Amino acid sequence: MMILIGLGGSLGAAARYLIGQFLHNKSPNSWMNGTWVVNIAGSFLLGILASLYTTDSLTEWIWLFFGIGFCGAFTTFSTFSVEALKMLQSEKYTQAILYIVTSVFLGAIAAFTGFIVEI
């Protein structure tokens, strides 16, 4: 069980890093950075997986690997928090508020949408 979570987490963390670097290179000054994108996308994916898991349409090992491992490491609340704090410290208040509000609101909507989508 722990091996599946660890392997999924390794891939999720690597994917988050690569997507973050790619988006940063494309738009280094954008507040809609890689963390924002992966948190919204990861919320959607986890919503889908959670829906499948709670309806017994997903095997335990896939849930452990992708739901807990991959999505758990792919999305990151700690990096989101530090990035928001940096914006506030740089007195980019509007940017920080947009980042915080859209991250939380769109993340919840993405998870809900993923949960109710029919696959």
C-alpha atoms as a PDB file:
ATOM      1  CA  MET A   1       0.000   0.000   0.000  1.00  0.00           C
ATOM      2  CA  MET A   2       2.671   2.540   1.008  1.00  0.00           C
ATOM      3  CA  ILE A   3       4.731   1.680  -2.064  1.00  0.00           C
ATOM      4  CA  LEU A   4       1.810   2.529  -4.364  1.00  0.00           C
ATOM      5  CA  ILE A   5       1.242   5.841  -2.598  1.00  0.00           C
ATOM      6  CA  GLY A   6       4.957   6.642  -2.687  1.00  0.00           C
ATOM      7  CA  LEU A   7       5.326   5.799  -6.369  1.00  0.00           C
ATOM      8  CA  GLY A   8       2.242   7.811  -7.274  1.00  0.00           C
ATOM      9  CA  GLY A   9       3.472  10.673  -5.116  1.00  0.00           C
ATOM     10  CA  SER A  10       6.846  10.639  -6.835  1.00  0.00           C
ATOM     11  CA  LEU A  11       5.224  10.950 -10.233  1.00  0.00           C
ATOM     12  CA  GLY A  12       2.812  13.629  -9.002  1.00  0.00           C
ATOM     13  CA  ALA A  13       5.609  15.736  -7.520  1.00  0.00           C
ATOM     14  CA  ALA A  14       7.699  15.402 -10.686  1.00  0.00           C
ATOM     15  CA  ALA A  15       4.721  16.317 -12.883  1.00  0.00           C
ATOM     16  CA  ARG A  16       3.982  19.366 -10.709  1.00  0.00           C
ATOM     17  CA  TYR A  17       7.585  20.523 -10.951  1.00  0.00           C
ATOM     18  CA  LEU A  18       7.804  20.035 -14.730  1.00  0.00           C
ATOM     19  CA  ILE A  19       4.493  21.795 -15.401  1.00  0.00           C
ATOM     20  CA  GLY A  20       5.480  24.617 -13.054  1.00  0.00           C
ATOM     21  CA  GLN A  21       8.801  25.111 -14.809  1.00  0.00           C
ATOM     22  CA  PHE A  22       7.203  24.969 -18.236  1.00  0.00           C
ATOM     23  CA  LEU A  23       4.594  27.596 -17.346  1.00  0.00           C
ATOM     24  CA  HIS A  24       7.141  29.792 -15.574  1.00  0.00           C
ATOM     25  CA  ASN A  25       9.340  29.767 -18.686  1.00  0.00           C
ATOM     26  CA  LYS A  26       6.347  30.714 -20.853  1.00  0.00           C
ATOM     27  CA  SER A  27       5.173  33.538 -18.581  1.00  0.00           C
ATOM     28  CA  PRO A  28       7.602  34.276 -15.724  1.00  0.00           C
ATOM     29  CA  ASN A  29       5.680  37.261 -14.327  1.00  0.00           C
ATOM     30  CA  SER A  30       2.196  35.773 -14.374  1.00  0.00           C
ATOM     31  CA  TRP A  31       0.365  35.245 -11.090  1.00  0.00           C
ATOM     32  CA  MET A  32      -1.418  32.292 -12.720  1.00  0.00           C
ATOM     33  CA  ASN A  33       1.649  30.146 -12.251  1.00  0.00           C
ATOM     34  CA  GLY A  34       2.215  26.407 -12.319  1.00  0.00           C
ATOM     35  CA  THR A  35       0.977  25.942  -8.763  1.00  0.00           C
ATOM     36  CA  TRP A  36      -2.337  27.568  -9.636  1.00  0.00           C
ATOM     37  CA  VAL A  37      -2.759  25.445 -12.775  1.00  0.00           C
ATOM     38  CA  VAL A  38      -1.845  22.122 -11.166  1.00  0.00           C
ATOM     39  CA  ASN A  39      -3.995  22.776  -8.100  1.00  0.00           C
ATOM     40  CA  ILE A  40      -7.079  23.384 -10.268  1.00  0.00           C
ATOM     41  CA  ALA A  41      -6.306  20.466 -12.609  1.00  0.00           C
ATOM     42  CA  GLY A  42      -5.443  18.186  -9.687  1.00  0.00           C
ATOM     43  CA  SER A  43      -8.686  19.085  -7.920  1.00  0.00           C
ATOM     44  CA  PHE A  44     -10.631  18.126 -11.041  1.00  0.00           C
ATOM     45  CA  LEU A  45      -8.748  14.843 -11.419  1.00  0.00           C
ATOM     46  CA  LEU A  46      -9.168  13.989  -7.747  1.00  0.00           C
ATOM     47  CA  GLY A  47     -12.886  14.735  -8.009  1.00  0.00           C
ATOM     48  CA  ILE A  48     -13.175  12.210 -10.845  1.00  0.00           C
ATOM     49  CA  LEU A  49     -11.147   9.607  -8.982  1.00  0.00           C
ATOM     50  CA  ALA A  50     -13.071  10.128  -5.745  1.00  0.00           C
ATOM     51  CA  SER A  51     -16.368   9.706  -7.555  1.00  0.00           C
ATOM     52  CA  LEU A  52     -15.185   6.493  -9.180  1.00  0.00           C
ATOM     53  CA  TYR A  53     -13.754   5.196  -5.910  1.00  0.00           C
ATOM     54  CA  THR A  54     -16.873   5.922  -3.849  1.00  0.00           C
ATOM     55  CA  THR A  55     -19.042   4.095  -6.400  1.00  0.00           C
ATOM     56  CA  ASP A  56     -16.715   1.069  -6.454  1.00  0.00           C
ATOM     57  CA  SER A  57     -15.772   1.785 -10.075  1.00  0.00           C
ATOM     58  CA  LEU A  58     -12.089   2.160  -9.206  1.00  0.00           C
ATOM     59  CA  THR A  59      -9.875  -0.506  -7.723  1.00  0.00           C
ATOM     60  CA  GLU A  60      -8.120   0.106  -4.422  1.00  0.00           C
ATOM     61  CA  TRP A  61      -4.623   0.141  -5.940  1.00  0.00           C
ATOM     62  CA  ILE A  62      -5.571   2.758  -8.550  1.00  0.00           C
ATOM     63  CA  TRP A  63      -7.094   4.947  -5.813  1.00  0.00           C
ATOM     64  CA  LEU A  64      -3.953   4.611  -3.676  1.00  0.00           C
ATOM     65  CA  PHE A  65      -1.588   5.270  -6.588  1.00  0.00           C
ATOM     66  CA  PHE A  66      -3.443   8.061  -8.383  1.00  0.00           C
ATOM     67  CA  GLY A  67      -5.891   9.498  -5.852  1.00  0.00           C
ATOM     68  CA  ILE A  68      -3.787   9.572  -2.721  1.00  0.00           C
ATOM     69  CA  GLY A  69      -0.267   9.386  -4.157  1.00  0.00           C
ATOM     70  CA  PHE A  70      -0.272  11.236  -7.463  1.00  0.00           C
ATOM     71  CA  CYS A  71      -2.926  13.862  -6.719  1.00  0.00           C
ATOM     72  CA  GLY A  72      -1.678  14.339  -3.162  1.00  0.00           C
ATOM     73  CA  ALA A  73       1.784  15.283  -4.407  1.00  0.00           C
ATOM     74  CA  PHE A  74       0.638  16.950  -7.633  1.00  0.00           C
ATOM     75  CA  THR A  75      -1.432  19.535  -5.793  1.00  0.00           C
ATOM     76  CA  THR A  76       0.200  21.565  -3.067  1.00  0.00           C
ATOM     77  CA  PHE A  77      -1.314  23.793  -0.425  1.00  0.00           C
ATOM     78  CA  SER A  78       2.031  24.706   1.124  1.00  0.00           C
ATOM     79  CA  THR A  79       3.481  26.155  -2.081  1.00  0.00           C
ATOM     80  CA  PHE A  80       0.223  28.003  -2.725  1.00  0.00           C
ATOM     81  CA  SER A  81       0.443  29.527   0.769  1.00  0.00           C
ATOM     82  CA  VAL A  82       4.064  30.640   0.370  1.00  0.00           C
ATOM     83  CA  GLU A  83       3.375  32.138  -3.054  1.00  0.00           C
ATOM     84  CA  ALA A  84       0.393  34.074  -1.691  1.00  0.00           C
ATOM     85  CA  LEU A  85       2.516  35.303   1.214  1.00  0.00           C
ATOM     86  CA  LYS A  86       5.260  36.469  -1.174  1.00  0.00           C
ATOM     87  CA  MET A  87       2.683  38.459  -3.140  1.00  0.00           C
ATOM     88  CA  LEU A  88       1.437  40.084   0.056  1.00  0.00           C
ATOM     89  CA  GLN A  89       4.981  40.878   1.185  1.00  0.00           C
ATOM     90  CA  SER A  90       5.649  42.459  -2.219  1.00  0.00           C
ATOM     91  CA  GLU A  91       2.525  44.573  -1.704  1.00  0.00           C
ATOM     92  CA  LYS A  92       0.821  42.975  -4.704  1.00  0.00           C
ATOM     93  CA  TYR A  93      -2.462  42.915  -2.808  1.00  0.00           C
ATOM     94  CA  THR A  94      -4.840  42.650  -5.753  1.00  0.00           C
ATOM     95  CA  GLN A  95      -2.753  39.892  -7.284  1.00  0.00           C
ATOM     96  CA  ALA A  96      -2.626  38.018  -3.958  1.00  0.00           C
ATOM     97  CA  ILE A  97      -6.376  38.287  -3.419  1.00  0.00           C
ATOM     98  CA  LEU A  98      -7.082  37.071  -6.959  1.00  0.00           C
ATOM     99  CA  TYR A  99      -4.646  34.202  -6.486  1.00  0.00           C
ATOM    100  CA  ILE A 100      -6.135  33.125  -3.156  1.00  0.00           C
ATOM    101  CA  VAL A 101      -9.793  33.498  -4.109  1.00  0.00           C
ATOM    102  CA  THR A 102      -9.517  31.886  -7.532  1.00  0.00           C
ATOM    103  CA  SER A 103      -7.361  29.035  -6.205  1.00  0.00           C
ATOM    104  CA  VAL A 104      -9.835  28.099  -3.490  1.00  0.00           C
ATOM    105  CA  PHE A 105     -13.039  28.812  -5.428  1.00  0.00           C
ATOM    106  CA  LEU A 106     -11.999  27.254  -8.736  1.00  0.00           C
ATOM    107  CA  GLY A 107     -10.326  24.332  -6.958  1.00  0.00           C
ATOM    108  CA  ALA A 108     -13.578  23.507  -5.183  1.00  0.00           C
ATOM    109  CA  ILE A 109     -15.586  23.920  -8.388  1.00  0.00           C
ATOM    110  CA  ALA A 110     -13.115  21.741 -10.288  1.00  0.00           C
ATOM    111  CA  ALA A 111     -13.326  18.996  -7.647  1.00  0.00           C
ATOM    112  CA  PHE A 112     -17.131  19.182  -7.662  1.00  0.00           C
ATOM    113  CA  THR A 113     -17.244  19.110 -11.468  1.00  0.00           C
ATOM    114  CA  GLY A 114     -14.893  16.144 -11.557  1.00  0.00           C
ATOM    115  CA  PHE A 115     -17.010  14.358  -8.978  1.00  0.00           C
ATOM    116  CA  ILE A 116     -20.277  14.765 -10.892  1.00  0.00           C
ATOM    117  CA  VAL A 117     -18.964  14.248 -14.431  1.00  0.00           C
ATOM    118  CA  GLU A 118     -20.063  10.963 -15.994  1.00  0.00           C
ATOM    119  CA  ILE A 119     -17.188   8.865 -17.258  1.00  0.00           C
END
